[in-house]
Protein backbone atom coordinates (compact mmCIF):
# COMPACT_ATOMS: atom_id res chain seq x y z
CA UNK A 1 0.00 0.00 0.00
CA UNK A 2 1.32 3.42 -0.89
CA UNK A 3 0.55 5.68 2.05
CA UNK A 4 2.40 8.61 0.52
CA UNK A 5 -0.34 8.92 -2.08
CA UNK A 6 -3.05 9.04 0.57
CA UNK A 7 -2.15 12.39 2.05
CA UNK A 8 -5.75 13.41 2.44
CA UNK A 9 -7.38 10.02 2.52
CA UNK A 10 -8.66 10.50 6.05
CA UNK A 11 -10.47 13.74 5.36
CA UNK A 12 -11.31 13.31 1.71
CA UNK A 13 -11.99 9.61 1.46
CA UNK A 14 -14.58 8.02 -0.75
CA UNK A 15 -18.00 9.38 0.18
CA UNK A 16 -19.18 7.54 3.28
CA UNK A 17 -16.09 5.32 3.42
CA UNK A 18 -14.94 6.42 6.90
CA UNK A 19 -18.45 6.16 8.29
CA UNK A 20 -18.89 2.72 6.77
CA UNK A 21 -15.72 1.47 8.47
CA UNK A 22 -15.77 2.55 12.11
CA UNK A 23 -13.43 -0.35 12.94
CA UNK A 24 -10.58 1.87 11.72
CA UNK A 25 -9.61 4.45 14.33
CA UNK A 26 -9.42 7.24 11.74
CA UNK A 27 -8.36 10.06 14.01
CA UNK A 28 -5.02 8.41 14.82
CA UNK A 29 -3.53 8.25 11.30
CA UNK A 30 -5.03 11.66 10.48
CA UNK A 31 -3.45 13.16 13.61
CA UNK A 32 -0.11 11.53 12.82
CA UNK A 33 -0.22 12.86 9.27
CA UNK A 34 -0.97 16.37 10.50
CA UNK A 35 1.82 16.18 13.07
CA UNK A 36 4.36 15.06 10.48
CA UNK A 37 3.29 17.58 7.84
CA UNK A 38 2.70 20.62 10.05
CA UNK A 39 4.86 20.05 13.10
CA UNK A 40 7.95 18.19 11.97
CA UNK A 41 10.22 20.18 14.28
CA UNK A 42 8.48 18.73 17.32
CA UNK A 43 8.25 15.06 16.33
CA UNK A 44 9.75 12.49 18.67
CA UNK A 45 11.59 10.22 16.24
CA UNK A 46 11.40 7.27 18.64
CA UNK A 47 7.60 7.57 18.78
CA UNK A 48 7.43 7.87 15.01
CA UNK A 49 9.62 4.79 14.46
CA UNK A 50 7.68 2.77 17.04
CA UNK A 51 4.38 3.76 15.43
CA UNK A 52 5.67 2.87 11.96
CA UNK A 53 6.89 -0.52 13.14
CA UNK A 54 4.01 -1.43 15.45
CA UNK A 55 0.87 0.18 14.03
CA UNK A 56 1.44 1.00 10.38
CA UNK A 57 1.73 -2.55 8.98
CA UNK A 58 -1.64 -3.58 10.45
CA UNK A 59 -3.32 -0.35 9.32
CA UNK A 60 -1.89 -0.69 5.80
CA UNK A 61 -3.09 -4.29 5.54
CA UNK A 62 -6.58 -3.43 6.77
CA UNK A 63 -6.87 -0.46 4.41
CA UNK A 64 -5.63 -2.54 1.48
CA UNK A 65 -8.41 -5.07 2.11
CA UNK A 66 -11.06 -2.38 2.50
CA UNK A 67 -9.98 -0.49 -0.62
CA UNK A 68 -9.72 -3.67 -2.67
CA UNK A 69 -13.24 -4.61 -1.68
CA UNK A 70 -14.51 -1.08 -2.43
CA UNK A 71 -13.10 -1.18 -5.97
CA UNK A 72 -14.72 -4.48 -6.96
């Protein structure tokens, strides 16, 4: 999954997509995106690396499945 290309996916997702999938905790990746983009000088690299290693693989896999199903 290419997350770089989803820079606004949380806010500007397919109509109703976020609401249809409440199992994704949408505010967390949106908040992380905003922190990286708008507050890079205050990012704790250790937290960012831990998040990327621990949370991102599962989120990417879940989103891949949801998006694949939505495009069928």
